[in-house]
Amino acid sequence: MEIAGRVALVTGAGAGIGRATALRLAREGATVGAADFDDGAGQETVDEIEAAAGRAGFVHVDAHARQTSGQWSTSRSRRSAGSTSS
């Protein structure tokens, strides 16, 4: 499957398997939407992707919170991963 040019949403992108997945997808050419409840760790993943000339954006998501899914769809409709506008 060709990954380059696609957008990938990775939950848990701040650590462990989620972080490794986000970094790998970015290396393969995907724009990564890095989602995590730990803002600092998620942003570090985005920073590492961008330092390697990849495209990524971070959004705070708590997958355990019942209201998260509605917040995610609303915030994603306003901006795309890697966008500088809000």
PDB file of N, CA and C in Angstrom:
ATOM      1  N   MET A   1       0.844  -1.180   0.000  1.00  0.00           N
ATOM      2  CA  MET A   1       0.000   0.000   0.000  1.00  0.00           C
ATOM      3  C   MET A   1       0.887   1.240   0.000  1.00  0.00           C
ATOM      4  N   GLU A   2       0.556   2.185  -0.839  1.00  0.00           N
ATOM      5  CA  GLU A   2       1.294   3.444  -0.922  1.00  0.00           C
ATOM      6  C   GLU A   2       0.831   4.377   0.199  1.00  0.00           C
ATOM      7  N   ILE A   3       1.769   4.836   1.018  1.00  0.00           N
ATOM      8  CA  ILE A   3       1.465   5.712   2.153  1.00  0.00           C
ATOM      9  C   ILE A   3       1.721   7.175   1.803  1.00  0.00           C
ATOM     10  N   ALA A   4       2.708   7.435   0.979  1.00  0.00           N
ATOM     11  CA  ALA A   4       3.082   8.808   0.626  1.00  0.00           C
ATOM     12  C   ALA A   4       1.870   9.570   0.102  1.00  0.00           C
ATOM     13  N   GLY A   5       1.702  10.789   0.625  1.00  0.00           N
ATOM     14  CA  GLY A   5       0.616  11.646   0.195  1.00  0.00           C
ATOM     15  C   GLY A   5      -0.706  11.422   0.921  1.00  0.00           C
ATOM     16  N   ARG A   6      -0.763  10.445   1.783  1.00  0.00           N
ATOM     17  CA  ARG A   6      -1.984  10.181   2.551  1.00  0.00           C
ATOM     18  C   ARG A   6      -1.909  10.875   3.911  1.00  0.00           C
ATOM     19  N   VAL A   7      -3.041  10.965   4.566  1.00  0.00           N
ATOM     20  CA  VAL A   7      -3.108  11.520   5.918  1.00  0.00           C
ATOM     21  C   VAL A   7      -3.411  10.372   6.877  1.00  0.00           C
ATOM     22  N   ALA A   8      -2.622  10.293   7.940  1.00  0.00           N
ATOM     23  CA  ALA A   8      -2.806   9.228   8.931  1.00  0.00           C
ATOM     24  C   ALA A   8      -3.066   9.840  10.298  1.00  0.00           C
ATOM     25  N   LEU A   9      -4.109   9.398  10.959  1.00  0.00           N
ATOM     26  CA  LEU A   9      -4.418   9.803  12.321  1.00  0.00           C
ATOM     27  C   LEU A   9      -3.907   8.718  13.253  1.00  0.00           C
ATOM     28  N   VAL A  10      -3.026   9.090  14.174  1.00  0.00           N
ATOM     29  CA  VAL A  10      -2.445   8.110  15.090  1.00  0.00           C
ATOM     30  C   VAL A  10      -2.771   8.513  16.519  1.00  0.00           C
ATOM     31  N   THR A  11      -3.559   7.696  17.207  1.00  0.00           N
ATOM     32  CA  THR A  11      -3.832   7.950  18.616  1.00  0.00           C
ATOM     33  C   THR A  11      -2.698   7.373  19.445  1.00  0.00           C
ATOM     34  N   GLY A  12      -2.448   7.979  20.584  1.00  0.00           N
ATOM     35  CA  GLY A  12      -1.346   7.530  21.435  1.00  0.00           C
ATOM     36  C   GLY A  12      -0.001   7.857  20.822  1.00  0.00           C
ATOM     37  N   ALA A  13       0.057   8.922  20.027  1.00  0.00           N
ATOM     38  CA  ALA A  13       1.268   9.268  19.275  1.00  0.00           C
ATOM     39  C   ALA A  13       2.391   9.822  20.146  1.00  0.00           C
ATOM     40  N   GLY A  14       2.127  10.040  21.421  1.00  0.00           N
ATOM     41  CA  GLY A  14       3.143  10.604  22.303  1.00  0.00           C
ATOM     42  C   GLY A  14       4.135   9.601  22.858  1.00  0.00           C
ATOM     43  N   ALA A  15       3.846   8.301  22.751  1.00  0.00           N
ATOM     44  CA  ALA A  15       4.733   7.308  23.361  1.00  0.00           C
ATOM     45  C   ALA A  15       4.501   5.924  22.758  1.00  0.00           C
ATOM     46  N   GLY A  16       5.456   5.062  22.979  1.00  0.00           N
ATOM     47  CA  GLY A  16       5.320   3.649  22.658  1.00  0.00           C
ATOM     48  C   GLY A  16       4.995   3.343  21.208  1.00  0.00           C
ATOM     49  N   ILE A  17       4.072   2.396  21.031  1.00  0.00           N
ATOM     50  CA  ILE A  17       3.701   1.943  19.693  1.00  0.00           C
ATOM     51  C   ILE A  17       3.093   3.076  18.872  1.00  0.00           C
ATOM     52  N   GLY A  18       2.281   3.924  19.497  1.00  0.00           N
ATOM     53  CA  GLY A  18       1.678   5.048  18.780  1.00  0.00           C
ATOM     54  C   GLY A  18       2.728   5.998  18.242  1.00  0.00           C
ATOM     55  N   ARG A  19       3.727   6.300  19.042  1.00  0.00           N
ATOM     56  CA  ARG A  19       4.805   7.195  18.608  1.00  0.00           C
ATOM     57  C   ARG A  19       5.606   6.558  17.481  1.00  0.00           C
ATOM     58  N   ALA A  20       5.956   5.291  17.651  1.00  0.00           N
ATOM     59  CA  ALA A  20       6.716   4.582  16.617  1.00  0.00           C
ATOM     60  C   ALA A  20       5.932   4.535  15.303  1.00  0.00           C
ATOM     61  N   THR A  21       4.631   4.329  15.402  1.00  0.00           N
ATOM     62  CA  THR A  21       3.780   4.297  14.215  1.00  0.00           C
ATOM     63  C   THR A  21       3.738   5.655  13.528  1.00  0.00           C
ATOM     64  N   ALA A  22       3.568   6.719  14.311  1.00  0.00           N
ATOM     65  CA  ALA A  22       3.535   8.073  13.745  1.00  0.00           C
ATOM     66  C   ALA A  22       4.839   8.394  13.026  1.00  0.00           C
ATOM     67  N   LEU A  23       5.958   8.071  13.658  1.00  0.00           N
ATOM     68  CA  LEU A  23       7.266   8.354  13.045  1.00  0.00           C
ATOM     69  C   LEU A  23       7.457   7.538  11.772  1.00  0.00           C
ATOM     70  N   ARG A  24       7.071   6.286  11.794  1.00  0.00           N
ATOM     71  CA  ARG A  24       7.222   5.426  10.608  1.00  0.00           C
ATOM     72  C   ARG A  24       6.355   5.920   9.459  1.00  0.00           C
ATOM     73  N   LEU A  25       5.106   6.250   9.743  1.00  0.00           N
ATOM     74  CA  LEU A  25       4.216   6.756   8.698  1.00  0.00           C
ATOM     75  C   LEU A  25       4.760   8.039   8.096  1.00  0.00           C
ATOM     76  N   ALA A  26       5.294   8.916   8.930  1.00  0.00           N
ATOM     77  CA  ALA A  26       5.881  10.163   8.430  1.00  0.00           C
ATOM     78  C   ALA A  26       7.084   9.871   7.542  1.00  0.00           C
ATOM     79  N   ARG A  27       7.938   8.933   7.949  1.00  0.00           N
ATOM     80  CA  ARG A  27       9.092   8.555   7.116  1.00  0.00           C
ATOM     81  C   ARG A  27       8.654   8.012   5.763  1.00  0.00           C
ATOM     82  N   GLU A  28       7.492   7.376   5.743  1.00  0.00           N
ATOM     83  CA  GLU A  28       6.956   6.815   4.501  1.00  0.00           C
ATOM     84  C   GLU A  28       6.245   7.871   3.656  1.00  0.00           C
ATOM     85  N   GLY A  29       6.138   9.106   4.170  1.00  0.00           N
ATOM     86  CA  GLY A  29       5.575  10.200   3.385  1.00  0.00           C
ATOM     87  C   GLY A  29       4.166  10.622   3.720  1.00  0.00           C
ATOM     88  N   ALA A  30       3.582  10.069   4.765  1.00  0.00           N
ATOM     89  CA  ALA A  30       2.237  10.468   5.170  1.00  0.00           C
ATOM     90  C   ALA A  30       2.281  11.763   5.982  1.00  0.00           C
ATOM     91  N   THR A  31       1.222  12.537   5.899  1.00  0.00           N
ATOM     92  CA  THR A  31       1.004  13.647   6.820  1.00  0.00           C
ATOM     93  C   THR A  31       0.350  13.038   8.049  1.00  0.00           C
ATOM     94  N   VAL A  32       0.900  13.305   9.220  1.00  0.00           N
ATOM     95  CA  VAL A  32       0.453  12.628  10.435  1.00  0.00           C
ATOM     96  C   VAL A  32      -0.338  13.568  11.341  1.00  0.00           C
ATOM     97  N   GLY A  33      -1.515  13.128  11.731  1.00  0.00           N
ATOM     98  CA  GLY A  33      -2.279  13.768  12.786  1.00  0.00           C
ATOM     99  C   GLY A  33      -1.965  13.019  14.066  1.00  0.00           C
ATOM    100  N   ALA A  34      -1.169  13.618  14.922  1.00  0.00           N
ATOM    101  CA  ALA A  34      -0.725  12.976  16.158  1.00  0.00           C
ATOM    102  C   ALA A  34      -1.690  13.343  17.281  1.00  0.00           C
ATOM    103  N   ALA A  35      -2.363  12.355  17.821  1.00  0.00           N
ATOM    104  CA  ALA A  35      -3.354  12.573  18.880  1.00  0.00           C
ATOM    105  C   ALA A  35      -2.877  11.905  20.166  1.00  0.00           C
ATOM    106  N   ASP A  36      -2.957  12.639  21.276  1.00  0.00           N
ATOM    107  CA  ASP A  36      -2.554  12.084  22.562  1.00  0.00           C
ATOM    108  C   ASP A  36      -3.147  12.940  23.670  1.00  0.00           C
ATOM    109  N   PHE A  37      -3.241  12.381  24.870  1.00  0.00           N
ATOM    110  CA  PHE A  37      -3.707  13.164  26.021  1.00  0.00           C
ATOM    111  C   PHE A  37      -2.558  13.906  26.684  1.00  0.00           C
ATOM    112  N   ASP A  38      -1.321  13.491  26.391  1.00  0.00           N
ATOM    113  CA  ASP A  38      -0.129  14.145  26.936  1.00  0.00           C
ATOM    114  C   ASP A  38       0.368  15.156  25.908  1.00  0.00           C
ATOM    115  N   ASP A  39       0.021  16.423  26.123  1.00  0.00           N
ATOM    116  CA  ASP A  39       0.352  17.470  25.150  1.00  0.00           C
ATOM    117  C   ASP A  39       1.840  17.565  24.859  1.00  0.00           C
ATOM    118  N   GLY A  40       2.669  17.500  25.896  1.00  0.00           N
ATOM    119  CA  GLY A  40       4.110  17.617  25.708  1.00  0.00           C
ATOM    120  C   GLY A  40       4.676  16.482  24.880  1.00  0.00           C
ATOM    121  N   ALA A  41       4.291  15.257  25.202  1.00  0.00           N
ATOM    122  CA  ALA A  41       4.791  14.091  24.476  1.00  0.00           C
ATOM    123  C   ALA A  41       4.286  14.080  23.035  1.00  0.00           C
ATOM    124  N   GLY A  42       3.037  14.427  22.840  1.00  0.00           N
ATOM    125  CA  GLY A  42       2.486  14.478  21.482  1.00  0.00           C
ATOM    126  C   GLY A  42       3.183  15.528  20.638  1.00  0.00           C
ATOM    127  N   GLN A  43       3.437  16.685  21.231  1.00  0.00           N
ATOM    128  CA  GLN A  43       4.116  17.744  20.497  1.00  0.00           C
ATOM    129  C   GLN A  43       5.563  17.358  20.191  1.00  0.00           C
ATOM    130  N   GLU A  44       6.201  16.613  21.082  1.00  0.00           N
ATOM    131  CA  GLU A  44       7.568  16.137  20.805  1.00  0.00           C
ATOM    132  C   GLU A  44       7.590  15.240  19.575  1.00  0.00           C
ATOM    133  N   THR A  45       6.584  14.395  19.437  1.00  0.00           N
ATOM    134  CA  THR A  45       6.491  13.539  18.254  1.00  0.00           C
ATOM    135  C   THR A  45       6.352  14.392  17.001  1.00  0.00           C
ATOM    136  N   VAL A  46       5.480  15.382  17.047  1.00  0.00           N
ATOM    137  CA  VAL A  46       5.297  16.287  15.914  1.00  0.00           C
ATOM    138  C   VAL A  46       6.601  17.017  15.601  1.00  0.00           C
ATOM    139  N   ASP A  47       7.275  17.502  16.629  1.00  0.00           N
ATOM    140  CA  ASP A  47       8.540  18.218  16.421  1.00  0.00           C
ATOM    141  C   ASP A  47       9.570  17.330  15.745  1.00  0.00           C
ATOM    142  N   GLU A  48       9.641  16.067  16.159  1.00  0.00           N
ATOM    143  CA  GLU A  48      10.599  15.143  15.548  1.00  0.00           C
ATOM    144  C   GLU A  48      10.258  14.884  14.084  1.00  0.00           C
ATOM    145  N   ILE A  49       8.993  14.735  13.785  1.00  0.00           N
ATOM    146  CA  ILE A  49       8.561  14.534  12.398  1.00  0.00           C
ATOM    147  C   ILE A  49       8.922  15.752  11.556  1.00  0.00           C
ATOM    148  N   GLU A  50       8.616  16.940  12.075  1.00  0.00           N
ATOM    149  CA  GLU A  50       8.896  18.168  11.329  1.00  0.00           C
ATOM    150  C   GLU A  50      10.394  18.411  11.179  1.00  0.00           C
ATOM    151  N   ALA A  51      11.194  18.028  12.166  1.00  0.00           N
ATOM    152  CA  ALA A  51      12.653  18.189  12.078  1.00  0.00           C
ATOM    153  C   ALA A  51      13.228  17.326  10.960  1.00  0.00           C
ATOM    154  N   ALA A  52      12.533  16.249  10.628  1.00  0.00           N
ATOM    155  CA  ALA A  52      12.968  15.365   9.547  1.00  0.00           C
ATOM    156  C   ALA A  52      12.264  15.718   8.231  1.00  0.00           C
ATOM    157  N   ALA A  53      11.716  16.948   8.166  1.00  0.00           N
ATOM    158  CA  ALA A  53      11.054  17.483   6.970  1.00  0.00           C
ATOM    159  C   ALA A  53       9.706  16.828   6.681  1.00  0.00           C
ATOM    160  N   GLY A  54       9.096  16.219   7.697  1.00  0.00           N
ATOM    161  CA  GLY A  54       7.765  15.645   7.524  1.00  0.00           C
ATOM    162  C   GLY A  54       6.693  16.652   7.885  1.00  0.00           C
ATOM    163  N   ARG A  55       5.454  16.275   7.638  1.00  0.00           N
ATOM    164  CA  ARG A  55       4.313  17.130   7.979  1.00  0.00           C
ATOM    165  C   ARG A  55       3.498  16.449   9.066  1.00  0.00           C
ATOM    166  N   ALA A  56       3.165  17.229  10.101  1.00  0.00           N
ATOM    167  CA  ALA A  56       2.392  16.673  11.208  1.00  0.00           C
ATOM    168  C   ALA A  56       1.707  17.783  11.978  1.00  0.00           C
ATOM    169  N   GLY A  57       0.667  17.423  12.679  1.00  0.00           N
ATOM    170  CA  GLY A  57      -0.029  18.339  13.562  1.00  0.00           C
ATOM    171  C   GLY A  57      -0.452  17.577  14.797  1.00  0.00           C
ATOM    172  N   PHE A  58      -0.606  18.278  15.895  1.00  0.00           N
ATOM    173  CA  PHE A  58      -0.997  17.649  17.165  1.00  0.00           C
ATOM    174  C   PHE A  58      -2.381  18.114  17.583  1.00  0.00           C
ATOM    175  N   VAL A  59      -3.113  17.197  18.190  1.00  0.00           N
ATOM    176  CA  VAL A  59      -4.388  17.546  18.818  1.00  0.00           C
ATOM    177  C   VAL A  59      -4.504  16.763  20.120  1.00  0.00           C
ATOM    178  N   HIS A  60      -4.946  17.455  21.161  1.00  0.00           N
ATOM    179  CA  HIS A  60      -5.165  16.815  22.461  1.00  0.00           C
ATOM    180  C   HIS A  60      -6.411  15.954  22.367  1.00  0.00           C
ATOM    181  N   VAL A  61      -6.264  14.680  22.676  1.00  0.00           N
ATOM    182  CA  VAL A  61      -7.392  13.748  22.667  1.00  0.00           C
ATOM    183  C   VAL A  61      -7.247  12.807  23.849  1.00  0.00           C
ATOM    184  N   ASP A  62      -8.327  12.655  24.599  1.00  0.00           N
ATOM    185  CA  ASP A  62      -8.366  11.658  25.656  1.00  0.00           C
ATOM    186  C   ASP A  62      -9.353  10.593  25.195  1.00  0.00           C
ATOM    187  N   ALA A  63      -8.828   9.492  24.683  1.00  0.00           N
ATOM    188  CA  ALA A  63      -9.676   8.439  24.123  1.00  0.00           C
ATOM    189  C   ALA A  63     -10.603   7.818  25.161  1.00  0.00           C
ATOM    190  N   HIS A  64     -10.324   8.035  26.436  1.00  0.00           N
ATOM    191  CA  HIS A  64     -11.189   7.503  27.481  1.00  0.00           C
ATOM    192  C   HIS A  64     -12.348   8.433  27.806  1.00  0.00           C
ATOM    193  N   ALA A  65     -12.248   9.685  27.406  1.00  0.00           N
ATOM    194  CA  ALA A  65     -13.301  10.657  27.702  1.00  0.00           C
ATOM    195  C   ALA A  65     -14.464  10.481  26.732  1.00  0.00           C
ATOM    196  N   ARG A  66     -15.639  10.457  27.245  1.00  0.00           N
ATOM    197  CA  ARG A  66     -16.830  10.219  26.440  1.00  0.00           C
ATOM    198  C   ARG A  66     -17.059  11.313  25.388  1.00  0.00           C
ATOM    199  N   GLN A  67     -16.687  12.550  25.681  1.00  0.00           N
ATOM    200  CA  GLN A  67     -16.939  13.664  24.768  1.00  0.00           C
ATOM    201  C   GLN A  67     -15.856  13.850  23.720  1.00  0.00           C
ATOM    202  N   THR A  68     -14.802  13.111  23.759  1.00  0.00           N
ATOM    203  CA  THR A  68     -13.670  13.323  22.866  1.00  0.00           C
ATOM    204  C   THR A  68     -14.042  13.240  21.399  1.00  0.00           C
ATOM    205  N   SER A  69     -14.817  12.266  20.988  1.00  0.00           N
ATOM    206  CA  SER A  69     -15.068  12.063  19.564  1.00  0.00           C
ATOM    207  C   SER A  69     -15.703  13.283  18.924  1.00  0.00           C
ATOM    208  N   GLY A  70     -16.635  13.927  19.593  1.00  0.00           N
ATOM    209  CA  GLY A  70     -17.242  15.135  19.044  1.00  0.00           C
ATOM    210  C   GLY A  70     -16.263  16.291  18.989  1.00  0.00           C
ATOM    211  N   GLN A  71     -15.417  16.403  20.006  1.00  0.00           N
ATOM    212  CA  GLN A  71     -14.415  17.465  20.015  1.00  0.00           C
ATOM    213  C   GLN A  71     -13.412  17.245  18.894  1.00  0.00           C
ATOM    214  N   TRP A  72     -13.026  15.995  18.665  1.00  0.00           N
ATOM    215  CA  TRP A  72     -12.053  15.701  17.617  1.00  0.00           C
ATOM    216  C   TRP A  72     -12.603  16.085  16.256  1.00  0.00           C
ATOM    217  N   SER A  73     -13.834  15.675  15.934  1.00  0.00           N
ATOM    218  CA  SER A  73     -14.363  15.958  14.608  1.00  0.00           C
ATOM    219  C   SER A  73     -14.527  17.460  14.404  1.00  0.00           C
ATOM    220  N   THR A  74     -14.889  18.192  15.448  1.00  0.00           N
ATOM    221  CA  THR A  74     -15.026  19.640  15.334  1.00  0.00           C
ATOM    222  C   THR A  74     -13.677  20.300  15.105  1.00  0.00           C
ATOM    223  N   SER A  75     -12.663  19.913  15.864  1.00  0.00           N
ATOM    224  CA  SER A  75     -11.362  20.553  15.708  1.00  0.00           C
ATOM    225  C   SER A  75     -10.732  20.187  14.374  1.00  0.00           C
ATOM    226  N   ARG A  76     -10.921  18.976  13.889  1.00  0.00           N
ATOM    227  CA  ARG A  76     -10.333  18.551  12.624  1.00  0.00           C
ATOM    228  C   ARG A  76     -11.003  19.258  11.461  1.00  0.00           C
ATOM    229  N   SER A  77     -12.274  19.604  11.566  1.00  0.00           N
ATOM    230  CA  SER A  77     -12.933  20.270  10.454  1.00  0.00           C
ATOM    231  C   SER A  77     -12.434  21.705  10.295  1.00  0.00           C
ATOM    232  N   ARG A  78     -11.820  22.258  11.320  1.00  0.00           N
ATOM    233  CA  ARG A  78     -11.319  23.629  11.272  1.00  0.00           C
ATOM    234  C   ARG A  78      -9.902  23.729  10.737  1.00  0.00           C
ATOM    235  N   ARG A  79      -9.120  22.627  10.807  1.00  0.00           N
ATOM    236  CA  ARG A  79      -7.748  22.713  10.343  1.00  0.00           C
ATOM    237  C   ARG A  79      -7.262  21.330   9.945  1.00  0.00           C
ATOM    238  N   SER A  80      -6.240  21.305   9.142  1.00  0.00           N
ATOM    239  CA  SER A  80      -5.665  20.016   8.756  1.00  0.00           C
ATOM    240  C   SER A  80      -4.317  19.864   9.401  1.00  0.00           C
ATOM    241  N   ALA A  81      -3.844  18.649   9.529  1.00  0.00           N
ATOM    242  CA  ALA A  81      -2.538  18.385  10.154  1.00  0.00           C
ATOM    243  C   ALA A  81      -1.468  19.129   9.399  1.00  0.00           C
ATOM    244  N   GLY A  82      -0.632  19.840  10.127  1.00  0.00           N
ATOM    245  CA  GLY A  82       0.454  20.570   9.516  1.00  0.00           C
ATOM    246  C   GLY A  82       0.087  21.964   9.051  1.00  0.00           C
ATOM    247  N   SER A  83      -1.186  22.323   9.153  1.00  0.00           N
ATOM    248  CA  SER A  83      -1.614  23.643   8.714  1.00  0.00           C
ATOM    249  C   SER A  83      -1.183  24.710   9.712  1.00  0.00           C
ATOM    250  N   THR A  84      -0.884  25.884   9.196  1.00  0.00           N
ATOM    251  CA  THR A  84      -0.492  26.975  10.086  1.00  0.00           C
ATOM    252  C   THR A  84      -1.666  27.894  10.381  1.00  0.00           C
ATOM    253  N   SER A  85      -2.801  27.682   9.741  1.00  0.00           N
ATOM    254  CA  SER A  85      -3.971  28.524  10.014  1.00  0.00           C
ATOM    255  C   SER A  85      -4.860  27.836  11.035  1.00  0.00           C
ATOM    256  N   SER A  86      -5.721  28.619  11.698  1.00  0.00           N
ATOM    257  CA  SER A  86      -6.607  28.002  12.687  1.00  0.00           C
ATOM    258  C   SER A  86      -8.046  28.111  12.284  1.00  0.00           C
TER     259      SER A  86
END
